[in-house]
Amino acid sequence: MMIDLNGTELDVLVRLVDEAIDGIGPEIHHTRTSEYKDDLKAQRLLLRNLHDRLATTAPITRGETASDYASAPLSTA
């Protein structure tokens, strides 16, 4: 599936993914159930991979690059 995003839309999407990643850390820390904690860690990894893909994606319009809008790729460590 392909979605055409302009620079502003890409910026919003990357910021939302960043916020979701930031929000998972404390939730993982405060979770006592190991199964749920593992699910959260898997979700964080998925979000980090998504962030990295978005950060290397160029918007469709005006020759903008994703680096104009997205932060650097996140490490998965």
PDB file of N, CA and C in Angstrom:
ATOM      1  N   MET A   1       0.850  -1.168   0.000  1.00  0.00           N
ATOM      2  CA  MET A   1       0.000   0.000   0.000  1.00  0.00           C
ATOM      3  C   MET A   1       0.897   1.233   0.000  1.00  0.00           C
ATOM      4  N   MET A   2       0.503   2.209  -0.766  1.00  0.00           N
ATOM      5  CA  MET A   2       1.248   3.460  -0.819  1.00  0.00           C
ATOM      6  C   MET A   2       0.344   4.590  -0.370  1.00  0.00           C
ATOM      7  N   ILE A   3       0.933   5.497   0.392  1.00  0.00           N
ATOM      8  CA  ILE A   3       0.221   6.694   0.838  1.00  0.00           C
ATOM      9  C   ILE A   3       1.069   7.891   0.439  1.00  0.00           C
ATOM     10  N   ASP A   4       0.469   8.842  -0.227  1.00  0.00           N
ATOM     11  CA  ASP A   4       1.177  10.064  -0.601  1.00  0.00           C
ATOM     12  C   ASP A   4       1.062  11.071   0.540  1.00  0.00           C
ATOM     13  N   LEU A   5       2.208  11.478   1.081  1.00  0.00           N
ATOM     14  CA  LEU A   5       2.243  12.453   2.165  1.00  0.00           C
ATOM     15  C   LEU A   5       3.075  13.647   1.751  1.00  0.00           C
ATOM     16  N   ASN A   6       2.604  14.837   2.109  1.00  0.00           N
ATOM     17  CA  ASN A   6       3.449  16.008   1.906  1.00  0.00           C
ATOM     18  C   ASN A   6       4.340  16.157   3.143  1.00  0.00           C
ATOM     19  N   GLY A   7       5.220  17.115   3.132  1.00  0.00           N
ATOM     20  CA  GLY A   7       6.163  17.292   4.226  1.00  0.00           C
ATOM     21  C   GLY A   7       5.503  17.526   5.570  1.00  0.00           C
ATOM     22  N   THR A   8       4.456  18.319   5.592  1.00  0.00           N
ATOM     23  CA  THR A   8       3.762  18.618   6.845  1.00  0.00           C
ATOM     24  C   THR A   8       3.087  17.366   7.406  1.00  0.00           C
ATOM     25  N   GLU A   9       2.456  16.607   6.543  1.00  0.00           N
ATOM     26  CA  GLU A   9       1.802  15.375   6.988  1.00  0.00           C
ATOM     27  C   GLU A   9       2.825  14.371   7.523  1.00  0.00           C
ATOM     28  N   LEU A  10       3.947  14.267   6.830  1.00  0.00           N
ATOM     29  CA  LEU A  10       5.012  13.369   7.288  1.00  0.00           C
ATOM     30  C   LEU A  10       5.539  13.813   8.644  1.00  0.00           C
ATOM     31  N   ASP A  11       5.701  15.104   8.824  1.00  0.00           N
ATOM     32  CA  ASP A  11       6.169  15.653  10.092  1.00  0.00           C
ATOM     33  C   ASP A  11       5.216  15.287  11.228  1.00  0.00           C
ATOM     34  N   VAL A  12       3.931  15.450  11.005  1.00  0.00           N
ATOM     35  CA  VAL A  12       2.931  15.124  12.029  1.00  0.00           C
ATOM     36  C   VAL A  12       2.986  13.635  12.359  1.00  0.00           C
ATOM     37  N   LEU A  13       3.070  12.802  11.346  1.00  0.00           N
ATOM     38  CA  LEU A  13       3.106  11.360  11.563  1.00  0.00           C
ATOM     39  C   LEU A  13       4.349  10.946  12.350  1.00  0.00           C
ATOM     40  N   VAL A  14       5.500  11.495  12.008  1.00  0.00           N
ATOM     41  CA  VAL A  14       6.738  11.177  12.732  1.00  0.00           C
ATOM     42  C   VAL A  14       6.640  11.642  14.179  1.00  0.00           C
ATOM     43  N   ARG A  15       6.092  12.820  14.392  1.00  0.00           N
ATOM     44  CA  ARG A  15       5.937  13.311  15.769  1.00  0.00           C
ATOM     45  C   ARG A  15       5.000  12.428  16.592  1.00  0.00           C
ATOM     46  N   LEU A  16       3.928  11.953  15.988  1.00  0.00           N
ATOM     47  CA  LEU A  16       3.008  11.055  16.688  1.00  0.00           C
ATOM     48  C   LEU A  16       3.691   9.736  17.054  1.00  0.00           C
ATOM     49  N   VAL A  17       4.481   9.219  16.140  1.00  0.00           N
ATOM     50  CA  VAL A  17       5.223   7.984  16.433  1.00  0.00           C
ATOM     51  C   VAL A  17       6.240   8.238  17.541  1.00  0.00           C
ATOM     52  N   ASP A  18       6.933   9.367  17.488  1.00  0.00           N
ATOM     53  CA  ASP A  18       7.886   9.727  18.550  1.00  0.00           C
ATOM     54  C   ASP A  18       7.191   9.794  19.913  1.00  0.00           C
ATOM     55  N   GLU A  19       6.025  10.419  19.954  1.00  0.00           N
ATOM     56  CA  GLU A  19       5.279  10.533  21.220  1.00  0.00           C
ATOM     57  C   GLU A  19       4.857   9.163  21.732  1.00  0.00           C
ATOM     58  N   ALA A  20       4.460   8.293  20.825  1.00  0.00           N
ATOM     59  CA  ALA A  20       4.067   6.938  21.234  1.00  0.00           C
ATOM     60  C   ALA A  20       5.265   6.176  21.798  1.00  0.00           C
ATOM     61  N   ILE A  21       6.420   6.326  21.170  1.00  0.00           N
ATOM     62  CA  ILE A  21       7.635   5.675  21.670  1.00  0.00           C
ATOM     63  C   ILE A  21       7.984   6.204  23.052  1.00  0.00           C
ATOM     64  N   ASP A  22       7.935   7.521  23.216  1.00  0.00           N
ATOM     65  CA  ASP A  22       8.238   8.135  24.518  1.00  0.00           C
ATOM     66  C   ASP A  22       7.275   7.667  25.601  1.00  0.00           C
ATOM     67  N   GLY A  23       6.019   7.462  25.246  1.00  0.00           N
ATOM     68  CA  GLY A  23       5.024   7.059  26.229  1.00  0.00           C
ATOM     69  C   GLY A  23       5.130   5.605  26.660  1.00  0.00           C
ATOM     70  N   ILE A  24       5.720   4.780  25.828  1.00  0.00           N
ATOM     71  CA  ILE A  24       5.814   3.363  26.152  1.00  0.00           C
ATOM     72  C   ILE A  24       6.866   3.087  27.227  1.00  0.00           C
ATOM     73  N   GLY A  25       7.957   3.849  27.232  1.00  0.00           N
ATOM     74  CA  GLY A  25       9.027   3.606  28.203  1.00  0.00           C
ATOM     75  C   GLY A  25       8.538   3.573  29.641  1.00  0.00           C
ATOM     76  N   PRO A  26       7.882   4.626  30.116  1.00  0.00           N
ATOM     77  CA  PRO A  26       7.378   4.606  31.491  1.00  0.00           C
ATOM     78  C   PRO A  26       6.354   3.501  31.736  1.00  0.00           C
ATOM     79  N   GLU A  27       5.552   3.208  30.713  1.00  0.00           N
ATOM     80  CA  GLU A  27       4.560   2.154  30.882  1.00  0.00           C
ATOM     81  C   GLU A  27       5.245   0.796  31.049  1.00  0.00           C
ATOM     82  N   ILE A  28       6.307   0.556  30.294  1.00  0.00           N
ATOM     83  CA  ILE A  28       7.074  -0.681  30.450  1.00  0.00           C
ATOM     84  C   ILE A  28       7.659  -0.748  31.852  1.00  0.00           C
ATOM     85  N   HIS A  29       8.216   0.354  32.299  1.00  0.00           N
ATOM     86  CA  HIS A  29       8.852   0.407  33.619  1.00  0.00           C
ATOM     87  C   HIS A  29       7.860   0.099  34.747  1.00  0.00           C
ATOM     88  N   HIS A  30       6.638   0.569  34.622  1.00  0.00           N
ATOM     89  CA  HIS A  30       5.658   0.422  35.697  1.00  0.00           C
ATOM     90  C   HIS A  30       4.787  -0.831  35.578  1.00  0.00           C
ATOM     91  N   THR A  31       4.967  -1.589  34.493  1.00  0.00           N
ATOM     92  CA  THR A  31       4.162  -2.787  34.294  1.00  0.00           C
ATOM     93  C   THR A  31       4.751  -3.952  35.081  1.00  0.00           C
ATOM     94  N   ARG A  32       3.895  -4.670  35.768  1.00  0.00           N
ATOM     95  CA  ARG A  32       4.351  -5.799  36.585  1.00  0.00           C
ATOM     96  C   ARG A  32       4.144  -7.140  35.900  1.00  0.00           C
ATOM     97  N   THR A  33       3.262  -7.178  34.935  1.00  0.00           N
ATOM     98  CA  THR A  33       2.973  -8.429  34.235  1.00  0.00           C
ATOM     99  C   THR A  33       3.984  -8.618  33.104  1.00  0.00           C
ATOM    100  N   SER A  34       4.749  -9.698  33.177  1.00  0.00           N
ATOM    101  CA  SER A  34       5.813  -9.896  32.190  1.00  0.00           C
ATOM    102  C   SER A  34       5.268 -10.065  30.774  1.00  0.00           C
ATOM    103  N   GLU A  35       4.114 -10.705  30.632  1.00  0.00           N
ATOM    104  CA  GLU A  35       3.538 -10.878  29.306  1.00  0.00           C
ATOM    105  C   GLU A  35       3.172  -9.528  28.689  1.00  0.00           C
ATOM    106  N   TYR A  36       2.552  -8.662  29.478  1.00  0.00           N
ATOM    107  CA  TYR A  36       2.192  -7.333  28.984  1.00  0.00           C
ATOM    108  C   TYR A  36       3.444  -6.504  28.710  1.00  0.00           C
ATOM    109  N   LYS A  37       4.447  -6.643  29.567  1.00  0.00           N
ATOM    110  CA  LYS A  37       5.706  -5.923  29.371  1.00  0.00           C
ATOM    111  C   LYS A  37       6.357  -6.360  28.057  1.00  0.00           C
ATOM    112  N   ASP A  38       6.338  -7.649  27.765  1.00  0.00           N
ATOM    113  CA  ASP A  38       6.891  -8.145  26.502  1.00  0.00           C
ATOM    114  C   ASP A  38       6.109  -7.600  25.309  1.00  0.00           C
ATOM    115  N   ASP A  39       4.782  -7.527  25.447  1.00  0.00           N
ATOM    116  CA  ASP A  39       3.955  -6.957  24.381  1.00  0.00           C
ATOM    117  C   ASP A  39       4.312  -5.485  24.138  1.00  0.00           C
ATOM    118  N   LEU A  40       4.515  -4.744  25.222  1.00  0.00           N
ATOM    119  CA  LEU A  40       4.881  -3.331  25.090  1.00  0.00           C
ATOM    120  C   LEU A  40       6.249  -3.169  24.439  1.00  0.00           C
ATOM    121  N   LYS A  41       7.184  -4.024  24.801  1.00  0.00           N
ATOM    122  CA  LYS A  41       8.524  -3.963  24.200  1.00  0.00           C
ATOM    123  C   LYS A  41       8.452  -4.266  22.704  1.00  0.00           C
ATOM    124  N   ALA A  42       7.616  -5.226  22.329  1.00  0.00           N
ATOM    125  CA  ALA A  42       7.439  -5.547  20.909  1.00  0.00           C
ATOM    126  C   ALA A  42       6.804  -4.364  20.174  1.00  0.00           C
ATOM    127  N   GLN A  43       5.847  -3.718  20.828  1.00  0.00           N
ATOM    128  CA  GLN A  43       5.209  -2.551  20.219  1.00  0.00           C
ATOM    129  C   GLN A  43       6.215  -1.406  20.063  1.00  0.00           C
ATOM    130  N   ARG A  44       7.073  -1.209  21.058  1.00  0.00           N
ATOM    131  CA  ARG A  44       8.093  -0.164  20.970  1.00  0.00           C
ATOM    132  C   ARG A  44       9.051  -0.439  19.817  1.00  0.00           C
ATOM    133  N   LEU A  45       9.447  -1.698  19.645  1.00  0.00           N
ATOM    134  CA  LEU A  45      10.329  -2.052  18.541  1.00  0.00           C
ATOM    135  C   LEU A  45       9.649  -1.786  17.200  1.00  0.00           C
ATOM    136  N   LEU A  46       8.377  -2.153  17.091  1.00  0.00           N
ATOM    137  CA  LEU A  46       7.630  -1.893  15.873  1.00  0.00           C
ATOM    138  C   LEU A  46       7.568  -0.393  15.587  1.00  0.00           C
ATOM    139  N   LEU A  47       7.308   0.408  16.621  1.00  0.00           N
ATOM    140  CA  LEU A  47       7.244   1.863  16.445  1.00  0.00           C
ATOM    141  C   LEU A  47       8.600   2.437  16.054  1.00  0.00           C
ATOM    142  N   ARG A  48       9.674   1.926  16.643  1.00  0.00           N
ATOM    143  CA  ARG A  48      11.019   2.395  16.273  1.00  0.00           C
ATOM    144  C   ARG A  48      11.325   2.080  14.818  1.00  0.00           C
ATOM    145  N   ASN A  49      10.958   0.885  14.379  1.00  0.00           N
ATOM    146  CA  ASN A  49      11.166   0.521  12.974  1.00  0.00           C
ATOM    147  C   ASN A  49      10.335   1.403  12.049  1.00  0.00           C
ATOM    148  N   LEU A  50       9.098   1.666  12.450  1.00  0.00           N
ATOM    149  CA  LEU A  50       8.246   2.559  11.678  1.00  0.00           C
ATOM    150  C   LEU A  50       8.847   3.962  11.616  1.00  0.00           C
ATOM    151  N   HIS A  51       9.347   4.447  12.751  1.00  0.00           N
ATOM    152  CA  HIS A  51       9.987   5.767  12.793  1.00  0.00           C
ATOM    153  C   HIS A  51      11.155   5.820  11.815  1.00  0.00           C
ATOM    154  N   ASP A  52      11.987   4.789  11.843  1.00  0.00           N
ATOM    155  CA  ASP A  52      13.153   4.770  10.954  1.00  0.00           C
ATOM    156  C   ASP A  52      12.745   4.768   9.492  1.00  0.00           C
ATOM    157  N   ARG A  53      11.695   4.032   9.157  1.00  0.00           N
ATOM    158  CA  ARG A  53      11.209   4.015   7.775  1.00  0.00           C
ATOM    159  C   ARG A  53      10.652   5.372   7.372  1.00  0.00           C
ATOM    160  N   LEU A  54       9.914   5.997   8.270  1.00  0.00           N
ATOM    161  CA  LEU A  54       9.365   7.325   7.972  1.00  0.00           C
ATOM    162  C   LEU A  54      10.468   8.369   7.840  1.00  0.00           C
ATOM    163  N   ALA A  55      11.489   8.262   8.688  1.00  0.00           N
ATOM    164  CA  ALA A  55      12.573   9.243   8.684  1.00  0.00           C
ATOM    165  C   ALA A  55      13.399   9.175   7.403  1.00  0.00           C
ATOM    166  N   THR A  56      13.349   8.056   6.704  1.00  0.00           N
ATOM    167  CA  THR A  56      14.107   7.930   5.454  1.00  0.00           C
ATOM    168  C   THR A  56      13.208   8.032   4.225  1.00  0.00           C
ATOM    169  N   THR A  57      11.950   8.404   4.437  1.00  0.00           N
ATOM    170  CA  THR A  57      10.990   8.549   3.350  1.00  0.00           C
ATOM    171  C   THR A  57      10.916  10.001   2.916  1.00  0.00           C
ATOM    172  N   ALA A  58      10.932  10.213   1.631  1.00  0.00           N
ATOM    173  CA  ALA A  58      10.807  11.571   1.107  1.00  0.00           C
ATOM    174  C   ALA A  58       9.341  11.877   0.832  1.00  0.00           C
ATOM    175  N   PRO A  59       8.880  13.062   1.233  1.00  0.00           N
ATOM    176  CA  PRO A  59       7.516  13.466   0.885  1.00  0.00           C
ATOM    177  C   PRO A  59       7.357  13.548  -0.628  1.00  0.00           C
ATOM    178  N   ILE A  60       6.148  13.486  -1.078  1.00  0.00           N
ATOM    179  CA  ILE A  60       5.853  13.444  -2.511  1.00  0.00           C
ATOM    180  C   ILE A  60       5.995  14.812  -3.185  1.00  0.00           C
ATOM    181  N   THR A  61       5.742  15.909  -2.466  1.00  0.00           N
ATOM    182  CA  THR A  61       5.664  17.221  -3.114  1.00  0.00           C
ATOM    183  C   THR A  61       6.902  18.078  -2.881  1.00  0.00           C
ATOM    184  N   ARG A  62       7.129  18.991  -3.792  1.00  0.00           N
ATOM    185  CA  ARG A  62       8.099  20.077  -3.711  1.00  0.00           C
ATOM    186  C   ARG A  62       9.536  19.649  -3.454  1.00  0.00           C
ATOM    187  N   GLY A  63       9.901  18.395  -3.663  1.00  0.00           N
ATOM    188  CA  GLY A  63      11.278  17.968  -3.520  1.00  0.00           C
ATOM    189  C   GLY A  63      11.801  17.997  -2.096  1.00  0.00           C
ATOM    190  N   GLU A  64      10.913  18.071  -1.120  1.00  0.00           N
ATOM    191  CA  GLU A  64      11.346  18.072   0.270  1.00  0.00           C
ATOM    192  C   GLU A  64      11.873  16.687   0.612  1.00  0.00           C
ATOM    193  N   THR A  65      12.774  16.618   1.570  1.00  0.00           N
ATOM    194  CA  THR A  65      13.245  15.320   2.029  1.00  0.00           C
ATOM    195  C   THR A  65      12.720  15.070   3.432  1.00  0.00           C
ATOM    196  N   ALA A  66      12.645  13.823   3.790  1.00  0.00           N
ATOM    197  CA  ALA A  66      12.143  13.481   5.121  1.00  0.00           C
ATOM    198  C   ALA A  66      13.034  14.064   6.198  1.00  0.00           C
ATOM    199  N   SER A  67      14.328  14.210   5.917  1.00  0.00           N
ATOM    200  CA  SER A  67      15.223  14.756   6.934  1.00  0.00           C
ATOM    201  C   SER A  67      14.890  16.207   7.257  1.00  0.00           C
ATOM    202  N   ASP A  68      14.157  16.881   6.374  1.00  0.00           N
ATOM    203  CA  ASP A  68      13.706  18.239   6.664  1.00  0.00           C
ATOM    204  C   ASP A  68      12.661  18.244   7.775  1.00  0.00           C
ATOM    205  N   TYR A  69      12.005  17.112   7.972  1.00  0.00           N
ATOM    206  CA  TYR A  69      10.873  17.048   8.883  1.00  0.00           C
ATOM    207  C   TYR A  69      11.032  16.039  10.004  1.00  0.00           C
ATOM    208  N   ALA A  70      11.759  14.985   9.784  1.00  0.00           N
ATOM    209  CA  ALA A  70      11.854  13.905  10.762  1.00  0.00           C
ATOM    210  C   ALA A  70      13.183  13.967  11.504  1.00  0.00           C
ATOM    211  N   SER A  71      13.159  13.504  12.733  1.00  0.00           N
ATOM    212  CA  SER A  71      14.400  13.397  13.483  1.00  0.00           C
ATOM    213  C   SER A  71      15.199  12.220  12.950  1.00  0.00           C
ATOM    214  N   ALA A  72      16.427  12.088  13.414  1.00  0.00           N
ATOM    215  CA  ALA A  72      17.294  11.019  12.958  1.00  0.00           C
ATOM    216  C   ALA A  72      16.704   9.661  13.330  1.00  0.00           C
ATOM    217  N   PRO A  73      17.059   8.625  12.568  1.00  0.00           N
ATOM    218  CA  PRO A  73      16.563   7.281  12.898  1.00  0.00           C
ATOM    219  C   PRO A  73      16.931   6.889  14.323  1.00  0.00           C
ATOM    220  N   LEU A  74      16.035   6.149  14.942  1.00  0.00           N
ATOM    221  CA  LEU A  74      16.259   5.687  16.305  1.00  0.00           C
ATOM    222  C   LEU A  74      17.012   4.372  16.288  1.00  0.00           C
ATOM    223  N   SER A  75      17.848   4.157  17.278  1.00  0.00           N
ATOM    224  CA  SER A  75      18.476   2.852  17.397  1.00  0.00           C
ATOM    225  C   SER A  75      17.483   1.914  18.054  1.00  0.00           C
ATOM    226  N   THR A  76      17.608   0.644  17.773  1.00  0.00           N
ATOM    227  CA  THR A  76      16.696  -0.342  18.348  1.00  0.00           C
ATOM    228  C   THR A  76      17.281  -0.979  19.594  1.00  0.00           C
ATOM    229  N   ALA A  77      18.372  -0.462  20.076  1.00  0.00           N
ATOM    230  CA  ALA A  77      19.008  -1.021  21.272  1.00  0.00           C
ATOM    231  C   ALA A  77      18.255  -0.637  22.518  1.00  0.00           C
TER     232      ALA A  77
END
